[in-house]
N, C-alpha and C. Protein backbone atom coordinates (compact mmCIF):
# COMPACT_ATOMS: atom_id res chain seq x y z
N MET A 1 11.48 -10.74 6.49
CA MET A 1 10.08 -10.46 7.22
C MET A 1 8.97 -11.21 6.43
N ASN A 2 8.40 -12.10 7.12
CA ASN A 2 7.18 -12.77 6.50
C ASN A 2 5.91 -12.34 6.95
N ILE A 3 5.27 -11.44 6.21
CA ILE A 3 4.15 -10.79 6.53
C ILE A 3 2.90 -11.83 6.58
N HIS A 4 2.28 -11.70 7.68
CA HIS A 4 1.06 -12.55 8.02
C HIS A 4 -0.25 -11.78 7.74
N GLN A 5 -0.34 -10.45 8.11
CA GLN A 5 -1.54 -9.72 7.91
C GLN A 5 -1.14 -8.42 7.69
N LEU A 6 -2.06 -7.69 6.89
CA LEU A 6 -1.83 -6.36 6.44
C LEU A 6 -3.17 -5.52 6.67
N SER A 7 -3.24 -4.41 7.11
CA SER A 7 -4.31 -3.57 7.24
C SER A 7 -3.99 -2.10 6.85
N LEU A 8 -4.85 -1.52 6.26
CA LEU A 8 -4.88 -0.04 5.88
C LEU A 8 -6.20 0.55 6.20
N THR A 9 -6.02 1.48 7.05
CA THR A 9 -7.32 2.06 7.70
C THR A 9 -7.23 3.60 7.56
N TYR A 10 -8.29 4.26 6.98
CA TYR A 10 -8.23 5.62 7.07
C TYR A 10 -8.83 5.97 8.46
N GLN A 11 -7.90 6.86 9.26
CA GLN A 11 -8.41 7.29 10.58
C GLN A 11 -8.93 8.72 10.54
N VAL A 12 -10.22 8.93 10.56
CA VAL A 12 -10.84 10.39 10.47
C VAL A 12 -10.26 11.36 11.33
N GLU A 13 -10.23 10.85 12.66
CA GLU A 13 -9.66 11.96 13.71
C GLU A 13 -8.18 12.28 13.40
N GLN A 14 -7.45 11.43 12.61
CA GLN A 14 -6.09 11.85 12.46
C GLN A 14 -5.93 12.37 11.01
N ASP A 15 -7.03 12.15 10.17
CA ASP A 15 -6.88 12.51 8.69
C ASP A 15 -5.61 11.88 8.19
N ARG A 16 -5.33 10.63 8.48
CA ARG A 16 -4.21 9.94 8.11
C ARG A 16 -4.61 8.43 7.70
N ILE A 17 -3.86 7.69 6.93
CA ILE A 17 -4.04 6.24 6.89
C ILE A 17 -3.19 5.62 7.80
N LEU A 18 -3.66 4.56 8.55
CA LEU A 18 -2.70 3.75 9.40
C LEU A 18 -2.52 2.48 8.65
N VAL A 19 -1.21 2.20 8.58
CA VAL A 19 -0.83 0.90 7.87
C VAL A 19 -0.29 0.00 9.08
N GLN A 20 -0.92 -1.11 9.23
CA GLN A 20 -0.35 -2.12 10.38
C GLN A 20 -0.02 -3.53 9.58
N ILE A 21 1.08 -3.99 10.04
CA ILE A 21 1.71 -5.22 9.47
C ILE A 21 2.15 -6.04 10.63
N SER A 22 1.72 -7.23 10.41
CA SER A 22 2.30 -8.29 11.52
C SER A 22 2.74 -9.41 10.61
N THR A 23 3.64 -9.90 11.37
CA THR A 23 4.43 -11.16 10.85
C THR A 23 4.08 -12.36 11.55
N HIS A 24 4.33 -13.62 10.96
CA HIS A 24 4.23 -14.80 11.24
C HIS A 24 5.00 -15.01 12.56
N THR A 25 6.05 -14.27 12.92
CA THR A 25 6.78 -14.36 14.27
C THR A 25 6.41 -13.56 15.29
N GLY A 26 5.08 -12.86 15.07
CA GLY A 26 4.64 -12.07 16.19
C GLY A 26 5.06 -10.70 16.28
N GLU A 27 5.69 -10.17 15.27
CA GLU A 27 6.26 -8.75 15.26
C GLU A 27 4.98 -7.84 14.51
N ALA A 28 5.15 -6.57 14.94
CA ALA A 28 4.06 -5.52 14.40
C ALA A 28 4.95 -4.35 14.07
N LEU A 29 4.53 -3.97 12.86
CA LEU A 29 5.07 -2.47 12.29
C LEU A 29 3.94 -1.88 12.03
N ARG A 30 3.85 -0.34 12.56
CA ARG A 30 2.66 0.31 12.26
C ARG A 30 3.37 1.68 11.68
N LEU A 31 2.52 2.30 10.66
CA LEU A 31 3.10 3.50 10.20
C LEU A 31 1.73 4.42 9.79
N TRP A 32 2.01 5.71 9.72
CA TRP A 32 0.96 6.83 9.29
C TRP A 32 1.45 7.17 7.74
N LEU A 33 0.46 7.26 7.09
CA LEU A 33 0.61 7.94 5.91
C LEU A 33 -0.37 9.19 5.71
N THR A 34 0.30 10.15 5.59
CA THR A 34 -0.39 11.54 5.33
C THR A 34 -0.98 11.71 3.91
N ARG A 35 -1.81 12.72 3.79
CA ARG A 35 -2.48 12.89 2.56
C ARG A 35 -1.16 13.38 1.72
N ARG A 36 -0.36 14.18 2.15
CA ARG A 36 0.69 14.69 1.16
C ARG A 36 1.49 13.34 0.75
N MET A 37 1.89 12.60 1.71
CA MET A 37 2.80 11.40 1.35
C MET A 37 2.11 10.53 0.27
N VAL A 38 0.70 10.26 0.38
CA VAL A 38 0.00 9.40 -0.36
C VAL A 38 -0.04 10.14 -1.79
N ALA A 39 -0.45 11.53 -1.78
CA ALA A 39 -0.30 12.22 -3.08
C ALA A 39 0.87 11.97 -3.84
N THR A 40 1.92 11.87 -3.25
CA THR A 40 3.17 11.70 -4.01
C THR A 40 3.49 10.31 -4.12
N LEU A 41 3.16 9.40 -3.20
CA LEU A 41 3.62 7.94 -3.29
C LEU A 41 2.72 7.31 -4.45
N PHE A 42 1.23 7.41 -4.15
CA PHE A 42 0.25 6.46 -5.06
C PHE A 42 0.77 6.61 -6.42
N PRO A 43 0.91 7.64 -7.19
CA PRO A 43 1.08 7.56 -8.62
C PRO A 43 2.45 6.93 -9.08
N HIS A 44 3.48 7.36 -8.04
CA HIS A 44 4.81 6.58 -8.20
C HIS A 44 4.81 5.11 -8.08
N LEU A 45 3.96 4.68 -7.03
CA LEU A 45 3.97 3.25 -6.55
C LEU A 45 3.21 2.56 -7.82
N ASN A 46 2.09 3.22 -8.46
CA ASN A 46 1.55 2.63 -9.55
C ASN A 46 2.34 2.43 -10.80
N ARG A 47 3.26 3.41 -11.15
CA ARG A 47 4.22 3.40 -12.14
C ARG A 47 5.34 2.17 -11.96
N VAL A 48 5.84 2.41 -10.78
CA VAL A 48 6.84 1.35 -10.50
C VAL A 48 6.44 -0.11 -10.53
N ALA A 49 5.17 -0.35 -9.91
CA ALA A 49 4.52 -1.68 -9.79
C ALA A 49 4.23 -2.19 -11.26
N THR A 50 3.62 -1.24 -12.28
CA THR A 50 3.45 -1.58 -13.44
C THR A 50 4.76 -2.08 -14.19
N ASN A 51 5.79 -1.27 -14.04
CA ASN A 51 7.13 -1.70 -14.57
C ASN A 51 7.74 -3.13 -14.11
N VAL A 52 7.51 -3.23 -12.84
CA VAL A 52 7.92 -4.50 -12.20
C VAL A 52 7.06 -5.55 -12.71
N GLU A 53 5.73 -5.34 -12.87
CA GLU A 53 4.85 -6.47 -13.28
C GLU A 53 5.09 -6.80 -14.91
N THR A 54 5.16 -5.75 -15.60
CA THR A 54 5.50 -6.11 -17.05
C THR A 54 6.80 -6.57 -17.40
N SER A 55 7.71 -6.24 -16.48
CA SER A 55 9.19 -6.81 -16.86
C SER A 55 9.19 -8.38 -16.52
N ASN A 56 8.27 -8.69 -15.58
CA ASN A 56 8.17 -10.11 -15.08
C ASN A 56 7.35 -10.80 -16.20
N ALA A 57 6.41 -10.22 -16.87
CA ALA A 57 5.75 -11.17 -17.88
C ALA A 57 6.58 -11.60 -19.13
N GLN A 58 6.31 -12.83 -19.37
CA GLN A 58 6.99 -13.49 -20.45
C GLN A 58 6.71 -12.69 -21.88
N LEU A 59 5.54 -12.18 -22.12
CA LEU A 59 5.16 -11.53 -23.25
C LEU A 59 5.22 -10.09 -22.81
N ALA A 60 6.45 -9.38 -22.52
CA ALA A 60 6.44 -7.95 -21.99
C ALA A 60 5.95 -7.23 -23.22
N THR A 61 5.36 -6.05 -22.80
CA THR A 61 4.96 -5.08 -24.02
C THR A 61 5.47 -3.69 -23.47
N GLN A 62 5.71 -3.10 -24.62
CA GLN A 62 6.15 -1.67 -24.51
C GLN A 62 5.15 -0.77 -24.70
N ASP A 63 3.84 -1.05 -24.99
CA ASP A 63 2.84 -0.33 -25.29
C ASP A 63 2.00 -0.08 -23.83
N ASP A 64 1.78 1.24 -23.59
CA ASP A 64 1.18 1.84 -22.39
C ASP A 64 -0.14 1.12 -22.16
N MET A 65 -1.06 0.84 -23.14
CA MET A 65 -2.33 0.16 -23.09
C MET A 65 -2.10 -1.22 -22.55
N GLY A 66 -1.21 -1.90 -23.32
CA GLY A 66 -0.81 -3.29 -22.89
C GLY A 66 -0.40 -3.37 -21.59
N LYS A 67 0.42 -2.45 -21.17
CA LYS A 67 1.07 -2.62 -19.87
C LYS A 67 -0.08 -2.36 -18.73
N LYS A 68 -1.04 -1.46 -19.10
CA LYS A 68 -2.13 -1.26 -18.29
C LYS A 68 -3.10 -2.37 -18.14
N MET A 69 -3.35 -2.94 -19.13
CA MET A 69 -4.06 -4.29 -19.19
C MET A 69 -3.60 -5.41 -18.44
N LEU A 70 -2.32 -5.61 -18.69
CA LEU A 70 -1.67 -6.56 -17.94
C LEU A 70 -1.64 -6.37 -16.48
N MET A 71 -1.35 -5.18 -16.07
CA MET A 71 -1.40 -4.80 -14.67
C MET A 71 -2.89 -4.99 -14.07
N GLU A 72 -3.95 -4.64 -14.94
CA GLU A 72 -5.29 -4.89 -14.22
C GLU A 72 -5.50 -6.27 -14.09
N PHE A 73 -5.13 -7.12 -15.17
CA PHE A 73 -5.37 -8.63 -15.12
C PHE A 73 -4.61 -9.07 -13.79
N LYS A 74 -3.35 -8.82 -13.62
CA LYS A 74 -2.56 -9.32 -12.54
C LYS A 74 -3.13 -8.79 -11.05
N LYS A 75 -3.64 -7.46 -11.14
CA LYS A 75 -4.26 -7.04 -9.96
C LYS A 75 -5.52 -7.83 -9.76
N HIS A 76 -6.44 -8.10 -10.59
CA HIS A 76 -7.59 -8.80 -10.42
C HIS A 76 -7.36 -10.20 -9.99
N GLU A 77 -6.33 -10.92 -10.57
CA GLU A 77 -6.01 -12.27 -10.16
C GLU A 77 -5.54 -12.30 -8.71
N SER A 78 -4.78 -11.31 -8.29
CA SER A 78 -4.28 -11.34 -6.98
C SER A 78 -5.36 -10.94 -6.06
N ILE A 79 -6.25 -10.19 -6.19
CA ILE A 79 -7.17 -9.67 -5.27
C ILE A 79 -8.23 -10.59 -5.21
N THR A 80 -8.58 -11.49 -6.03
CA THR A 80 -9.63 -12.51 -5.97
C THR A 80 -9.15 -13.84 -5.20
N GLN A 81 -7.62 -13.86 -5.03
CA GLN A 81 -7.29 -14.90 -4.09
C GLN A 81 -6.84 -14.55 -2.76
N ALA A 82 -6.93 -13.25 -2.65
CA ALA A 82 -6.59 -12.64 -1.29
C ALA A 82 -7.73 -12.92 -0.34
N ASP A 83 -7.37 -12.96 1.00
CA ASP A 83 -8.34 -13.01 2.24
C ASP A 83 -8.53 -11.56 2.63
N PHE A 84 -9.81 -10.98 2.36
CA PHE A 84 -9.79 -9.60 2.93
C PHE A 84 -11.02 -9.73 3.99
N LYS A 85 -11.47 -10.93 4.35
CA LYS A 85 -12.53 -11.07 5.33
C LYS A 85 -12.03 -11.30 6.78
N THR A 86 -10.95 -11.92 6.99
CA THR A 86 -10.37 -12.28 8.27
C THR A 86 -10.02 -11.11 9.02
N PRO A 87 -10.52 -10.69 10.15
CA PRO A 87 -10.11 -9.33 10.65
C PRO A 87 -8.74 -9.33 11.19
N PHE A 88 -7.95 -8.22 11.18
CA PHE A 88 -6.64 -7.91 11.58
C PHE A 88 -6.56 -8.27 13.08
N LYS A 89 -5.60 -9.04 13.46
CA LYS A 89 -5.45 -9.40 14.95
C LYS A 89 -4.21 -8.51 15.41
N PRO A 90 -4.44 -7.43 16.19
CA PRO A 90 -3.40 -6.44 16.61
C PRO A 90 -2.70 -7.13 17.82
N ASP A 91 -2.25 -8.59 17.92
CA ASP A 91 -1.79 -9.01 19.10
C ASP A 91 -0.40 -9.48 19.15
N ALA A 92 0.40 -8.58 18.41
CA ALA A 92 1.83 -8.62 18.35
C ALA A 92 2.56 -8.53 19.73
N VAL A 93 3.67 -9.10 19.96
CA VAL A 93 4.50 -9.16 21.00
C VAL A 93 5.75 -8.29 21.02
N VAL A 94 6.10 -8.02 19.74
CA VAL A 94 7.38 -7.46 19.46
C VAL A 94 7.06 -6.23 18.48
N PHE A 95 7.58 -5.04 18.89
CA PHE A 95 7.46 -3.92 17.94
C PHE A 95 8.90 -3.38 17.70
N PRO A 96 9.45 -3.96 16.56
CA PRO A 96 10.88 -3.56 16.14
C PRO A 96 11.25 -2.20 15.98
N ILE A 97 10.20 -1.41 15.54
CA ILE A 97 10.59 0.02 15.43
C ILE A 97 9.83 0.90 16.41
N GLY A 98 9.35 0.24 17.49
CA GLY A 98 8.56 0.91 18.62
C GLY A 98 7.04 0.81 18.47
N ALA A 99 6.40 1.02 19.53
CA ALA A 99 5.00 0.95 19.73
C ALA A 99 4.16 2.10 18.99
N GLU A 100 4.75 3.26 18.91
CA GLU A 100 4.13 4.20 18.07
C GLU A 100 4.33 4.13 16.65
N PRO A 101 3.27 4.42 15.83
CA PRO A 101 3.36 4.24 14.46
C PRO A 101 4.42 5.14 13.95
N LEU A 102 5.14 4.77 12.96
CA LEU A 102 6.09 5.53 12.30
C LEU A 102 5.41 6.63 11.49
N LEU A 103 5.74 7.84 11.54
CA LEU A 103 5.24 8.91 10.60
C LEU A 103 5.98 9.02 9.37
N VAL A 104 5.74 8.43 8.35
CA VAL A 104 6.59 8.33 7.09
C VAL A 104 6.61 9.66 6.45
N THR A 105 8.06 9.92 6.30
CA THR A 105 8.50 11.25 5.53
C THR A 105 9.15 10.86 4.26
N THR A 106 9.64 9.71 4.24
CA THR A 106 10.56 9.12 2.98
C THR A 106 10.02 7.75 2.60
N VAL A 107 9.87 7.62 1.37
CA VAL A 107 9.37 6.09 0.93
C VAL A 107 10.53 5.92 -0.26
N ASN A 108 11.17 4.79 -0.28
CA ASN A 108 12.02 4.41 -1.39
C ASN A 108 11.62 3.12 -1.98
N LEU A 109 11.27 3.10 -3.37
CA LEU A 109 10.83 1.99 -4.00
C LEU A 109 12.00 1.34 -4.85
N THR A 110 12.32 0.24 -4.54
CA THR A 110 13.25 -0.42 -5.36
C THR A 110 12.99 -1.78 -6.08
N PRO A 111 12.88 -1.86 -7.36
CA PRO A 111 12.49 -3.27 -7.82
C PRO A 111 13.78 -4.11 -7.55
N THR A 112 13.59 -5.32 -7.47
CA THR A 112 14.54 -6.32 -7.03
C THR A 112 14.69 -7.19 -8.47
N ALA A 113 15.95 -7.86 -8.46
CA ALA A 113 16.19 -8.81 -9.50
C ALA A 113 15.23 -9.85 -9.79
N ASN A 114 14.65 -10.31 -8.66
CA ASN A 114 13.77 -11.47 -8.83
C ASN A 114 12.23 -10.91 -9.13
N GLY A 115 12.02 -9.86 -9.51
CA GLY A 115 10.74 -9.33 -9.79
C GLY A 115 9.81 -8.85 -8.65
N GLU A 116 10.31 -8.52 -7.53
CA GLU A 116 9.58 -8.03 -6.45
C GLU A 116 9.95 -6.62 -6.27
N LEU A 117 9.25 -5.90 -5.26
CA LEU A 117 9.47 -4.46 -5.04
C LEU A 117 9.67 -4.33 -3.46
N ARG A 118 10.87 -3.72 -3.30
CA ARG A 118 11.30 -3.52 -1.95
C ARG A 118 10.93 -2.09 -1.70
N ILE A 119 10.06 -1.95 -0.76
CA ILE A 119 9.73 -0.58 -0.12
C ILE A 119 10.35 -0.27 1.19
N GLY A 120 10.95 0.81 1.25
CA GLY A 120 11.50 1.28 2.34
C GLY A 120 10.84 2.38 3.08
N PHE A 121 10.32 2.42 4.14
CA PHE A 121 9.64 3.50 4.90
C PHE A 121 10.65 4.20 6.01
N GLU A 122 10.52 5.49 6.01
CA GLU A 122 11.41 6.16 6.98
C GLU A 122 10.70 7.27 7.53
N GLU A 123 11.17 7.59 8.81
CA GLU A 123 10.66 8.80 9.76
C GLU A 123 11.92 9.51 9.97
N LYS A 124 12.18 10.81 9.20
CA LYS A 124 13.14 11.51 9.42
C LYS A 124 12.79 12.94 9.68
N PHE A 125 13.26 13.44 10.82
CA PHE A 125 12.89 14.75 11.39
C PHE A 125 14.25 15.57 11.48
N ALA A 126 14.22 16.86 11.38
CA ALA A 126 15.43 17.61 11.49
C ALA A 126 16.15 17.47 12.98
N ASP A 127 15.34 17.24 13.97
CA ASP A 127 16.01 17.29 15.34
C ASP A 127 16.13 15.79 15.77
N THR A 128 16.01 14.77 14.99
CA THR A 128 16.24 13.27 15.08
C THR A 128 17.63 12.93 14.91
N VAL A 129 18.25 12.41 15.77
CA VAL A 129 19.59 11.72 15.59
C VAL A 129 19.68 10.56 14.67
N LYS A 130 18.73 9.74 14.91
CA LYS A 130 18.78 8.45 14.03
C LYS A 130 17.30 8.28 13.59
N PRO A 131 17.01 8.18 12.36
CA PRO A 131 15.68 8.04 11.74
C PRO A 131 15.23 6.65 11.92
N ARG A 132 13.99 6.42 12.38
CA ARG A 132 13.22 5.15 12.43
C ARG A 132 12.94 4.68 11.05
N GLY A 133 12.91 3.44 10.78
CA GLY A 133 12.41 2.96 9.40
C GLY A 133 12.64 1.50 9.40
N PHE A 134 12.10 0.96 8.31
CA PHE A 134 12.30 -0.35 7.96
C PHE A 134 11.86 -0.57 6.48
N GLN A 135 12.33 -1.65 5.96
CA GLN A 135 11.99 -2.21 4.51
C GLN A 135 11.28 -3.47 4.55
N LEU A 136 10.54 -3.54 3.60
CA LEU A 136 9.69 -4.95 3.28
C LEU A 136 9.70 -5.13 1.59
N THR A 137 9.83 -6.27 1.46
CA THR A 137 9.82 -6.72 -0.05
C THR A 137 8.58 -7.47 -0.42
N MET A 138 7.86 -7.13 -1.29
CA MET A 138 6.56 -7.42 -1.75
C MET A 138 6.60 -8.18 -3.18
N ALA A 139 6.22 -9.54 -3.15
CA ALA A 139 5.94 -10.11 -4.45
C ALA A 139 4.71 -9.55 -4.92
N SER A 140 4.44 -9.98 -6.07
CA SER A 140 3.37 -9.45 -6.96
C SER A 140 2.06 -9.47 -6.24
N PRO A 141 1.77 -10.73 -5.69
CA PRO A 141 0.34 -10.83 -5.17
C PRO A 141 0.15 -9.84 -3.97
N LEU A 142 1.13 -9.76 -2.94
CA LEU A 142 1.17 -9.07 -1.80
C LEU A 142 1.18 -7.55 -2.31
N LEU A 143 1.82 -7.22 -3.11
CA LEU A 143 1.79 -5.82 -3.78
C LEU A 143 0.75 -5.19 -4.26
N HIS A 144 -0.03 -6.31 -5.01
CA HIS A 144 -1.41 -5.88 -5.63
C HIS A 144 -2.43 -5.67 -4.61
N SER A 145 -2.29 -6.62 -3.62
CA SER A 145 -3.12 -6.29 -2.24
C SER A 145 -3.17 -5.29 -1.51
N PHE A 146 -1.66 -4.89 -1.28
CA PHE A 146 -1.46 -3.54 -0.70
C PHE A 146 -1.88 -2.44 -1.35
N MET A 147 -1.76 -2.46 -2.74
CA MET A 147 -2.22 -1.17 -3.58
C MET A 147 -3.70 -1.29 -3.57
N HIS A 148 -4.47 -2.22 -3.60
CA HIS A 148 -5.85 -2.26 -3.40
C HIS A 148 -6.33 -1.78 -2.07
N LEU A 149 -5.66 -2.22 -1.02
CA LEU A 149 -6.16 -1.67 0.30
C LEU A 149 -5.91 -0.16 0.36
N LEU A 150 -4.73 0.22 -0.17
CA LEU A 150 -4.40 1.76 -0.11
C LEU A 150 -5.40 2.47 -0.87
N GLU A 151 -5.75 2.13 -2.14
CA GLU A 151 -6.76 2.63 -3.04
C GLU A 151 -8.19 2.79 -2.25
N SER A 152 -8.49 1.58 -1.45
CA SER A 152 -9.74 1.66 -0.84
C SER A 152 -9.63 2.71 0.29
N ALA A 153 -8.47 2.78 1.00
CA ALA A 153 -8.41 3.87 2.15
C ALA A 153 -8.33 5.33 1.52
N ILE A 154 -7.86 5.34 0.44
CA ILE A 154 -7.92 6.71 -0.33
C ILE A 154 -9.39 7.26 -0.56
N LYS A 155 -10.01 6.08 -1.10
CA LYS A 155 -11.36 6.44 -1.38
C LYS A 155 -12.29 6.89 -0.16
N ILE A 156 -11.98 5.96 0.79
CA ILE A 156 -12.84 6.41 2.11
C ILE A 156 -12.46 7.74 2.62
N SER A 157 -11.05 8.28 2.54
CA SER A 157 -10.71 9.47 3.10
C SER A 157 -11.25 10.54 2.28
N GLU A 158 -11.61 10.42 1.15
CA GLU A 158 -12.33 11.54 0.32
C GLU A 158 -11.33 12.59 -0.01
N TRP A 159 -10.13 12.35 -0.08
CA TRP A 159 -9.03 13.28 -0.35
C TRP A 159 -9.00 13.52 -1.85
N GLY A 160 -9.64 12.90 -2.83
CA GLY A 160 -9.78 13.46 -4.07
C GLY A 160 -8.41 13.06 -4.90
N LEU A 161 -7.67 11.98 -4.49
CA LEU A 161 -6.45 11.74 -5.00
C LEU A 161 -6.43 10.72 -6.29
N LEU A 162 -7.58 9.87 -6.31
CA LEU A 162 -7.64 8.96 -7.22
C LEU A 162 -7.82 9.22 -8.87
N ALA A 163 -8.64 10.31 -8.91
CA ALA A 163 -8.78 10.95 -10.26
C ALA A 163 -7.41 11.46 -10.89
N SER A 164 -6.70 12.19 -10.05
CA SER A 164 -5.40 12.70 -10.45
C SER A 164 -4.26 11.56 -10.52
N ALA A 165 -4.44 10.62 -9.80
CA ALA A 165 -3.44 9.59 -9.74
C ALA A 165 -3.39 8.57 -10.91
N THR A 166 -4.78 8.28 -11.33
CA THR A 166 -4.94 7.47 -12.48
C THR A 166 -5.97 8.12 -13.53
N PRO A 167 -5.38 8.83 -14.29
CA PRO A 167 -6.19 9.79 -15.17
C PRO A 167 -7.17 8.87 -16.25
N ASP A 168 -6.61 7.53 -16.43
CA ASP A 168 -7.58 6.78 -17.36
C ASP A 168 -8.67 6.03 -16.81
N THR A 169 -8.65 6.21 -15.28
CA THR A 169 -9.76 5.52 -14.48
C THR A 169 -10.82 6.38 -14.42
N PRO A 170 -11.99 5.91 -14.65
CA PRO A 170 -13.20 6.81 -14.54
C PRO A 170 -13.48 7.10 -13.15
N ALA A 171 -13.79 8.29 -12.85
CA ALA A 171 -14.16 8.76 -11.44
C ALA A 171 -15.50 8.18 -11.02
N ASP A 172 -15.54 8.01 -9.59
CA ASP A 172 -16.77 7.54 -9.06
C ASP A 172 -17.97 8.30 -9.26
N GLU A 173 -19.01 7.96 -9.38
CA GLU A 173 -20.32 8.63 -9.49
C GLU A 173 -20.52 9.44 -8.38
N PRO A 174 -21.02 10.71 -8.41
CA PRO A 174 -21.08 11.59 -7.33
C PRO A 174 -21.92 10.85 -6.11
N GLY A 175 -22.82 10.03 -6.25
CA GLY A 175 -23.72 9.40 -5.12
C GLY A 175 -22.95 8.04 -4.63
N ASP A 176 -21.71 7.83 -5.40
CA ASP A 176 -20.93 6.47 -4.92
C ASP A 176 -19.84 6.75 -4.00
N LYS A 177 -19.82 7.84 -2.99
CA LYS A 177 -18.77 8.07 -2.01
C LYS A 177 -19.03 7.18 -0.89
N PRO A 178 -17.79 6.50 -0.57
CA PRO A 178 -17.78 5.53 0.55
C PRO A 178 -17.84 6.45 1.73
N LYS A 179 -18.30 5.71 2.75
CA LYS A 179 -18.45 6.34 4.03
C LYS A 179 -17.02 6.13 4.90
N ALA A 180 -16.72 7.15 5.70
CA ALA A 180 -15.65 7.11 6.62
C ALA A 180 -15.60 5.83 7.44
N SER A 181 -16.88 5.73 7.82
CA SER A 181 -17.10 4.84 9.05
C SER A 181 -17.22 3.24 8.51
N GLY A 182 -17.22 3.04 7.20
CA GLY A 182 -17.41 1.67 6.47
C GLY A 182 -16.49 0.68 7.13
N PRO A 183 -16.75 -0.38 6.68
CA PRO A 183 -16.06 -1.62 7.30
C PRO A 183 -14.48 -1.43 6.87
N THR A 184 -13.60 -1.83 7.77
CA THR A 184 -12.03 -1.90 7.61
C THR A 184 -11.84 -3.29 6.78
N ARG A 185 -10.99 -3.15 5.82
CA ARG A 185 -10.73 -4.23 4.92
C ARG A 185 -9.29 -4.65 5.33
N TYR A 186 -8.93 -6.03 5.26
CA TYR A 186 -7.88 -6.64 5.77
C TYR A 186 -7.27 -7.47 4.68
N LEU A 187 -5.95 -7.85 4.87
CA LEU A 187 -5.16 -8.80 4.08
C LEU A 187 -4.54 -9.64 5.00
N ASN A 188 -4.74 -10.93 4.80
CA ASN A 188 -4.03 -12.05 5.43
C ASN A 188 -2.97 -12.74 4.49
């Protein structure tokens, strides 16, 4: 799957994050991330992404501070090159997992041999015979952009998850709370 655009938007009325993915071939995948899922996923995603990124580095470091600095550098490098200004175009013609967004109940993070991260999203319910789901593989630039958009959506949600997810990161000042009605950010 070759990702064309990616959008993560906090939906106030649902109190969930809507993830929309469009491909170059006109496919669209949509999923919901609940607060409970994000509270579990975000710290784990940070850890796994840091491990993937530092294992890719030619000068790999075992020091936590060195890993964090390398991760921040790579994140900054990826984000400055990404296009967050072009609006997401929801004009897909094919919905491989259905038109309704997947309500994510399980996420699998698997580093690949070539330094990418495979993320599997599944919707499993007790009364469902066959769960819905899909996998996508993200190279470093896309992974950093996805994490940046997720972090932005978490800030807008005001769930209070960022201070607990990244204890070394300073918390926002009390007057710096983003508004839920703020502009949506996109990745192309």
